[in-house]
PDB file of N, CA and C in Angstrom:
ATOM      1  N   MET A   1      68.455  32.791 -63.113  1.00  0.00           N
ATOM      2  CA  MET A   1      67.758  33.867 -62.444  1.00  0.00           C
ATOM      3  C   MET A   1      67.198  34.808 -63.502  1.00  0.00           C
ATOM      4  N   THR A   2      66.230  35.592 -63.123  1.00  0.00           N
ATOM      5  CA  THR A   2      65.618  36.531 -64.050  1.00  0.00           C
ATOM      6  C   THR A   2      65.625  37.935 -63.464  1.00  0.00           C
ATOM      7  N   ALA A   3      65.766  38.899 -64.333  1.00  0.00           N
ATOM      8  CA  ALA A   3      65.719  40.299 -63.903  1.00  0.00           C
ATOM      9  C   ALA A   3      64.304  40.866 -64.070  1.00  0.00           C
ATOM     10  N   ASP A   4      63.383  40.062 -64.576  1.00  0.00           N
ATOM     11  CA  ASP A   4      62.006  40.499 -64.797  1.00  0.00           C
ATOM     12  C   ASP A   4      61.317  40.709 -63.451  1.00  0.00           C
ATOM     13  N   GLU A   5      60.962  41.932 -63.137  1.00  0.00           N
ATOM     14  CA  GLU A   5      60.346  42.260 -61.842  1.00  0.00           C
ATOM     15  C   GLU A   5      58.994  41.585 -61.644  1.00  0.00           C
ATOM     16  N   ARG A   6      58.308  41.224 -62.713  1.00  0.00           N
ATOM     17  CA  ARG A   6      57.016  40.542 -62.580  1.00  0.00           C
ATOM     18  C   ARG A   6      57.178  39.163 -61.954  1.00  0.00           C
ATOM     19  N   ALA A   7      58.381  38.597 -62.039  1.00  0.00           N
ATOM     20  CA  ALA A   7      58.625  37.257 -61.504  1.00  0.00           C
ATOM     21  C   ALA A   7      58.520  37.225 -59.985  1.00  0.00           C
ATOM     22  N   ARG A   8      58.639  38.375 -59.325  1.00  0.00           N
ATOM     23  CA  ARG A   8      58.582  38.434 -57.862  1.00  0.00           C
ATOM     24  C   ARG A   8      57.178  38.680 -57.325  1.00  0.00           C
ATOM     25  N   GLN A   9      56.221  38.924 -58.189  1.00  0.00           N
ATOM     26  CA  GLN A   9      54.869  39.238 -57.734  1.00  0.00           C
ATOM     27  C   GLN A   9      54.126  37.986 -57.305  1.00  0.00           C
ATOM     28  N   CYS A  10      53.346  38.123 -56.244  1.00  0.00           N
ATOM     29  CA  CYS A  10      52.497  37.022 -55.792  1.00  0.00           C
ATOM     30  C   CYS A  10      51.436  36.766 -56.865  1.00  0.00           C
ATOM     31  N   PRO A  11      51.274  35.520 -57.308  1.00  0.00           N
ATOM     32  CA  PRO A  11      50.282  35.234 -58.343  1.00  0.00           C
ATOM     33  C   PRO A  11      48.842  35.469 -57.894  1.00  0.00           C
ATOM     34  N   ASP A  12      48.579  35.446 -56.594  1.00  0.00           N
ATOM     35  CA  ASP A  12      47.217  35.630 -56.097  1.00  0.00           C
ATOM     36  C   ASP A  12      46.858  37.093 -55.881  1.00  0.00           C
ATOM     37  N   CYS A  13      47.711  37.829 -55.160  1.00  0.00           N
ATOM     38  CA  CYS A  13      47.342  39.205 -54.801  1.00  0.00           C
ATOM     39  C   CYS A  13      48.121  40.268 -55.577  1.00  0.00           C
ATOM     40  N   GLY A  14      49.210  39.882 -56.259  1.00  0.00           N
ATOM     41  CA  GLY A  14      49.982  40.836 -57.054  1.00  0.00           C
ATOM     42  C   GLY A  14      50.984  41.662 -56.261  1.00  0.00           C
ATOM     43  N   THR A  15      51.109  41.413 -54.964  1.00  0.00           N
ATOM     44  CA  THR A  15      52.066  42.146 -54.137  1.00  0.00           C
ATOM     45  C   THR A  15      53.485  41.765 -54.517  1.00  0.00           C
ATOM     46  N   ARG A  16      54.366  42.758 -54.602  1.00  0.00           N
ATOM     47  CA  ARG A  16      55.767  42.504 -54.922  1.00  0.00           C
ATOM     48  C   ARG A  16      56.455  41.950 -53.682  1.00  0.00           C
ATOM     49  N   ALA A  17      57.053  40.765 -53.818  1.00  0.00           N
ATOM     50  CA  ALA A  17      57.724  40.122 -52.691  1.00  0.00           C
ATOM     51  C   ALA A  17      59.035  40.835 -52.381  1.00  0.00           C
ATOM     52  N   ARG A  18      59.348  40.889 -51.096  1.00  0.00           N
ATOM     53  CA  ARG A  18      60.587  41.528 -50.648  1.00  0.00           C
ATOM     54  C   ARG A  18      61.542  40.540 -49.992  1.00  0.00           C
ATOM     55  N   ARG A  19      61.028  39.393 -49.546  1.00  0.00           N
ATOM     56  CA  ARG A  19      61.871  38.430 -48.837  1.00  0.00           C
ATOM     57  C   ARG A  19      61.937  37.102 -49.581  1.00  0.00           C
ATOM     58  N   SER A  20      63.152  36.616 -49.758  1.00  0.00           N
ATOM     59  CA  SER A  20      63.369  35.340 -50.422  1.00  0.00           C
ATOM     60  C   SER A  20      63.225  34.198 -49.426  1.00  0.00           C
ATOM     61  N   LYS A  21      62.788  33.063 -49.923  1.00  0.00           N
ATOM     62  CA  LYS A  21      62.621  31.871 -49.102  1.00  0.00           C
ATOM     63  C   LYS A  21      63.535  30.755 -49.603  1.00  0.00           C
ATOM     64  N   GLY A  22      64.549  31.098 -50.375  1.00  0.00           N
ATOM     65  CA  GLY A  22      65.479  30.106 -50.911  1.00  0.00           C
ATOM     66  C   GLY A  22      65.337  29.963 -52.415  1.00  0.00           C
ATOM     67  N   ARG A  23      65.877  28.878 -52.935  1.00  0.00           N
ATOM     68  CA  ARG A  23      65.858  28.619 -54.382  1.00  0.00           C
ATOM     69  C   ARG A  23      65.356  27.217 -54.669  1.00  0.00           C
ATOM     70  N   ARG A  24      64.839  27.041 -55.864  1.00  0.00           N
ATOM     71  CA  ARG A  24      64.415  25.745 -56.365  1.00  0.00           C
ATOM     72  C   ARG A  24      64.913  25.633 -57.799  1.00  0.00           C
ATOM     73  N   VAL A  25      65.506  24.512 -58.136  1.00  0.00           N
ATOM     74  CA  VAL A  25      66.057  24.311 -59.480  1.00  0.00           C
ATOM     75  C   VAL A  25      65.012  23.638 -60.352  1.00  0.00           C
ATOM     76  N   THR A  26      64.843  24.152 -61.560  1.00  0.00           N
ATOM     77  CA  THR A  26      63.949  23.554 -62.544  1.00  0.00           C
ATOM     78  C   THR A  26      64.689  23.498 -63.876  1.00  0.00           C
ATOM     79  N   ARG A  27      64.281  22.602 -64.726  1.00  0.00           N
ATOM     80  CA  ARG A  27      64.922  22.432 -66.033  1.00  0.00           C
ATOM     81  C   ARG A  27      63.880  22.536 -67.139  1.00  0.00           C
ATOM     82  N   PRO A  28      63.544  23.767 -67.540  1.00  0.00           N
ATOM     83  CA  PRO A  28      62.567  23.925 -68.631  1.00  0.00           C
ATOM     84  C   PRO A  28      63.055  23.240 -69.899  1.00  0.00           C
ATOM     85  N   ARG A  29      62.133  22.716 -70.677  1.00  0.00           N
ATOM     86  CA  ARG A  29      62.493  22.063 -71.943  1.00  0.00           C
ATOM     87  C   ARG A  29      61.589  22.552 -73.060  1.00  0.00           C
ATOM     88  N   ASP A  30      61.732  21.951 -74.214  1.00  0.00           N
ATOM     89  CA  ASP A  30      60.993  22.338 -75.404  1.00  0.00           C
ATOM     90  C   ASP A  30      61.595  23.592 -76.032  1.00  0.00           C
ATOM     91  N   LEU A  31      62.846  23.846 -75.732  1.00  0.00           N
ATOM     92  CA  LEU A  31      63.570  24.942 -76.361  1.00  0.00           C
ATOM     93  C   LEU A  31      64.368  24.364 -77.521  1.00  0.00           C
ATOM     94  N   SER A  32      64.436  25.088 -78.595  1.00  0.00           N
ATOM     95  CA  SER A  32      65.203  24.617 -79.732  1.00  0.00           C
ATOM     96  C   SER A  32      66.039  25.765 -80.280  1.00  0.00           C
ATOM     97  N   VAL A  33      67.331  25.535 -80.398  1.00  0.00           N
ATOM     98  CA  VAL A  33      68.242  26.542 -80.942  1.00  0.00           C
ATOM     99  C   VAL A  33      69.079  25.860 -82.008  1.00  0.00           C
ATOM    100  N   GLY A  34      68.916  26.286 -83.236  1.00  0.00           N
ATOM    101  CA  GLY A  34      69.671  25.688 -84.328  1.00  0.00           C
ATOM    102  C   GLY A  34      69.370  24.216 -84.523  1.00  0.00           C
ATOM    103  N   GLY A  35      68.140  23.816 -84.241  1.00  0.00           N
ATOM    104  CA  GLY A  35      67.751  22.418 -84.415  1.00  0.00           C
ATOM    105  C   GLY A  35      68.174  21.519 -83.264  1.00  0.00           C
ATOM    106  N   ARG A  36      68.838  22.063 -82.266  1.00  0.00           N
ATOM    107  CA  ARG A  36      69.276  21.277 -81.114  1.00  0.00           C
ATOM    108  C   ARG A  36      68.637  21.814 -79.840  1.00  0.00           C
ATOM    109  N   ARG A  37      68.466  20.953 -78.875  1.00  0.00           N
ATOM    110  CA  ARG A  37      67.903  21.379 -77.589  1.00  0.00           C
ATOM    111  C   ARG A  37      69.031  21.641 -76.594  1.00  0.00           C
ATOM    112  N   PRO A  38      69.178  22.871 -76.180  1.00  0.00           N
ATOM    113  CA  PRO A  38      70.205  23.146 -75.171  1.00  0.00           C
ATOM    114  C   PRO A  38      69.732  22.684 -73.797  1.00  0.00           C
ATOM    115  N   ARG A  39      70.654  22.514 -72.900  1.00  0.00           N
ATOM    116  CA  ARG A  39      70.317  22.157 -71.518  1.00  0.00           C
ATOM    117  C   ARG A  39      70.189  23.451 -70.736  1.00  0.00           C
ATOM    118  N   LEU A  40      68.985  23.729 -70.255  1.00  0.00           N
ATOM    119  CA  LEU A  40      68.709  24.954 -69.523  1.00  0.00           C
ATOM    120  C   LEU A  40      68.389  24.600 -68.076  1.00  0.00           C
ATOM    121  N   VAL A  41      69.089  25.239 -67.143  1.00  0.00           N
ATOM    122  CA  VAL A  41      68.841  25.043 -65.723  1.00  0.00           C
ATOM    123  C   VAL A  41      68.501  26.402 -65.136  1.00  0.00           C
ATOM    124  N   TRP A  42      67.348  26.500 -64.466  1.00  0.00           N
ATOM    125  CA  TRP A  42      66.901  27.764 -63.885  1.00  0.00           C
ATOM    126  C   TRP A  42      66.819  27.600 -62.374  1.00  0.00           C
ATOM    127  N   ALA A  43      67.645  28.337 -61.649  1.00  0.00           N
ATOM    128  CA  ALA A  43      67.590  28.342 -60.184  1.00  0.00           C
ATOM    129  C   ALA A  43      66.591  29.425 -59.784  1.00  0.00           C
ATOM    130  N   LYS A  44      65.325  29.045 -59.701  1.00  0.00           N
ATOM    131  CA  LYS A  44      64.254  29.991 -59.384  1.00  0.00           C
ATOM    132  C   LYS A  44      64.294  30.356 -57.912  1.00  0.00           C
ATOM    133  N   ARG A  45      63.976  31.581 -57.627  1.00  0.00           N
ATOM    134  CA  ARG A  45      63.860  31.991 -56.231  1.00  0.00           C
ATOM    135  C   ARG A  45      62.448  31.727 -55.741  1.00  0.00           C
ATOM    136  N   ARG A  46      62.345  31.353 -54.489  1.00  0.00           N
ATOM    137  CA  ARG A  46      61.045  31.232 -53.836  1.00  0.00           C
ATOM    138  C   ARG A  46      60.859  32.511 -53.044  1.00  0.00           C
ATOM    139  N   TRP A  47      59.671  33.093 -53.147  1.00  0.00           N
ATOM    140  CA  TRP A  47      59.389  34.368 -52.503  1.00  0.00           C
ATOM    141  C   TRP A  47      58.297  34.223 -51.459  1.00  0.00           C
ATOM    142  N   ARG A  48      58.396  34.976 -50.393  1.00  0.00           N
ATOM    143  CA  ARG A  48      57.367  35.026 -49.354  1.00  0.00           C
ATOM    144  C   ARG A  48      56.394  36.152 -49.677  1.00  0.00           C
ATOM    145  N   CYS A  49      55.118  35.886 -49.530  1.00  0.00           N
ATOM    146  CA  CYS A  49      54.109  36.929 -49.692  1.00  0.00           C
ATOM    147  C   CYS A  49      53.807  37.486 -48.302  1.00  0.00           C
ATOM    148  N   ASP A  50      54.067  38.775 -48.113  1.00  0.00           N
ATOM    149  CA  ASP A  50      53.875  39.407 -46.805  1.00  0.00           C
ATOM    150  C   ASP A  50      52.510  40.071 -46.643  1.00  0.00           C
ATOM    151  N   GLU A  51      51.664  39.972 -47.654  1.00  0.00           N
ATOM    152  CA  GLU A  51      50.326  40.575 -47.579  1.00  0.00           C
ATOM    153  C   GLU A  51      49.470  39.737 -46.620  1.00  0.00           C
ATOM    154  N   LEU A  52      49.033  40.339 -45.541  1.00  0.00           N
ATOM    155  CA  LEU A  52      48.275  39.608 -44.520  1.00  0.00           C
ATOM    156  C   LEU A  52      46.958  39.048 -45.042  1.00  0.00           C
ATOM    157  N   ALA A  53      46.320  39.738 -45.975  1.00  0.00           N
ATOM    158  CA  ALA A  53      45.032  39.290 -46.494  1.00  0.00           C
ATOM    159  C   ALA A  53      45.172  38.169 -47.534  1.00  0.00           C
ATOM    160  N   CYS A  54      46.385  37.877 -47.965  1.00  0.00           N
ATOM    161  CA  CYS A  54      46.612  36.858 -49.000  1.00  0.00           C
ATOM    162  C   CYS A  54      46.772  35.480 -48.363  1.00  0.00           C
ATOM    163  N   ARG A  55      46.118  34.497 -48.940  1.00  0.00           N
ATOM    164  CA  ARG A  55      46.197  33.131 -48.419  1.00  0.00           C
ATOM    165  C   ARG A  55      47.487  32.431 -48.829  1.00  0.00           C
ATOM    166  N   ARG A  56      48.082  32.869 -49.915  1.00  0.00           N
ATOM    167  CA  ARG A  56      49.325  32.244 -50.388  1.00  0.00           C
ATOM    168  C   ARG A  56      50.491  32.766 -49.552  1.00  0.00           C
ATOM    169  N   ARG A  57      51.256  31.882 -49.025  1.00  0.00           N
ATOM    170  CA  ARG A  57      52.398  32.281 -48.198  1.00  0.00           C
ATOM    171  C   ARG A  57      53.687  32.381 -49.004  1.00  0.00           C
ATOM    172  N   SER A  58      53.816  31.606 -50.091  1.00  0.00           N
ATOM    173  CA  SER A  58      55.026  31.670 -50.897  1.00  0.00           C
ATOM    174  C   SER A  58      54.720  31.259 -52.331  1.00  0.00           C
ATOM    175  N   SER A  59      55.634  31.625 -53.221  1.00  0.00           N
ATOM    176  CA  SER A  59      55.524  31.246 -54.631  1.00  0.00           C
ATOM    177  C   SER A  59      56.921  31.261 -55.231  1.00  0.00           C
ATOM    178  N   THR A  60      57.085  30.621 -56.369  1.00  0.00           N
ATOM    179  CA  THR A  60      58.371  30.638 -57.054  1.00  0.00           C
ATOM    180  C   THR A  60      58.301  31.620 -58.213  1.00  0.00           C
ATOM    181  N   GLU A  61      59.474  32.057 -58.658  1.00  0.00           N
ATOM    182  CA  GLU A  61      59.533  32.976 -59.800  1.00  0.00           C
ATOM    183  C   GLU A  61      58.889  32.318 -61.010  1.00  0.00           C
ATOM    184  N   SER A  62      58.252  33.117 -61.819  1.00  0.00           N
ATOM    185  CA  SER A  62      57.742  32.631 -63.096  1.00  0.00           C
ATOM    186  C   SER A  62      57.725  33.794 -64.068  1.00  0.00           C
ATOM    187  N   VAL A  63      57.845  33.476 -65.327  1.00  0.00           N
ATOM    188  CA  VAL A  63      57.786  34.466 -66.404  1.00  0.00           C
ATOM    189  C   VAL A  63      56.840  33.905 -67.466  1.00  0.00           C
ATOM    190  N   PRO A  64      56.243  34.748 -68.309  1.00  0.00           N
ATOM    191  CA  PRO A  64      55.277  34.248 -69.293  1.00  0.00           C
ATOM    192  C   PRO A  64      55.750  33.063 -70.147  1.00  0.00           C
ATOM    193  N   PRO A  65      57.016  33.016 -70.617  1.00  0.00           N
ATOM    194  CA  PRO A  65      57.417  31.848 -71.410  1.00  0.00           C
ATOM    195  C   PRO A  65      57.498  30.538 -70.625  1.00  0.00           C
ATOM    196  N   VAL A  66      57.651  30.618 -69.296  1.00  0.00           N
ATOM    197  CA  VAL A  66      57.696  29.422 -68.446  1.00  0.00           C
ATOM    198  C   VAL A  66      56.725  29.640 -67.288  1.00  0.00           C
ATOM    199  N   PRO A  67      55.452  29.283 -67.478  1.00  0.00           N
ATOM    200  CA  PRO A  67      54.431  29.493 -66.444  1.00  0.00           C
ATOM    201  C   PRO A  67      54.706  28.673 -65.185  1.00  0.00           C
ATOM    202  N   PRO A  68      54.091  29.033 -64.054  1.00  0.00           N
ATOM    203  CA  PRO A  68      54.282  28.276 -62.823  1.00  0.00           C
ATOM    204  C   PRO A  68      53.860  26.823 -62.976  1.00  0.00           C
ATOM    205  N   ARG A  69      54.586  25.935 -62.324  1.00  0.00           N
ATOM    206  CA  ARG A  69      54.316  24.491 -62.310  1.00  0.00           C
ATOM    207  C   ARG A  69      54.366  23.861 -63.703  1.00  0.00           C
ATOM    208  N   LYS A  70      55.023  24.487 -64.642  1.00  0.00           N
ATOM    209  CA  LYS A  70      55.157  23.934 -65.995  1.00  0.00           C
ATOM    210  C   LYS A  70      56.634  23.775 -66.339  1.00  0.00           C
ATOM    211  N   ARG A  71      56.954  22.771 -67.107  1.00  0.00           N
ATOM    212  CA  ARG A  71      58.332  22.599 -67.557  1.00  0.00           C
ATOM    213  C   ARG A  71      58.476  22.891 -69.035  1.00  0.00           C
ATOM    214  N   LEU A  72      57.389  22.954 -69.768  1.00  0.00           N
ATOM    215  CA  LEU A  72      57.466  23.254 -71.195  1.00  0.00           C
ATOM    216  C   LEU A  72      57.330  24.752 -71.422  1.00  0.00           C
ATOM    217  N   THR A  73      58.137  25.275 -72.301  1.00  0.00           N
ATOM    218  CA  THR A  73      58.052  26.702 -72.615  1.00  0.00           C
ATOM    219  C   THR A  73      56.931  26.940 -73.615  1.00  0.00           C
ATOM    220  N   THR A  74      56.465  28.179 -73.673  1.00  0.00           N
ATOM    221  CA  THR A  74      55.407  28.504 -74.635  1.00  0.00           C
ATOM    222  C   THR A  74      56.004  29.059 -75.908  1.00  0.00           C
TER     223      THR A  74
END
């Protein structure tokens, strides 16, 4: 999980989500610590977008190092 408040924003309209729609597990890779790759498991929250004018109904958490729909870190 992440404490970064930007992770809850709708990627289309920028509205801060207030209601969770469950969780989705992802395993980002391409991380290296001390020459070894640790096993990272991220239980991302799925958020509902309540903005009526927004076409997107839900999205998952994302942060700049792990963009949406990507498994490789930047």
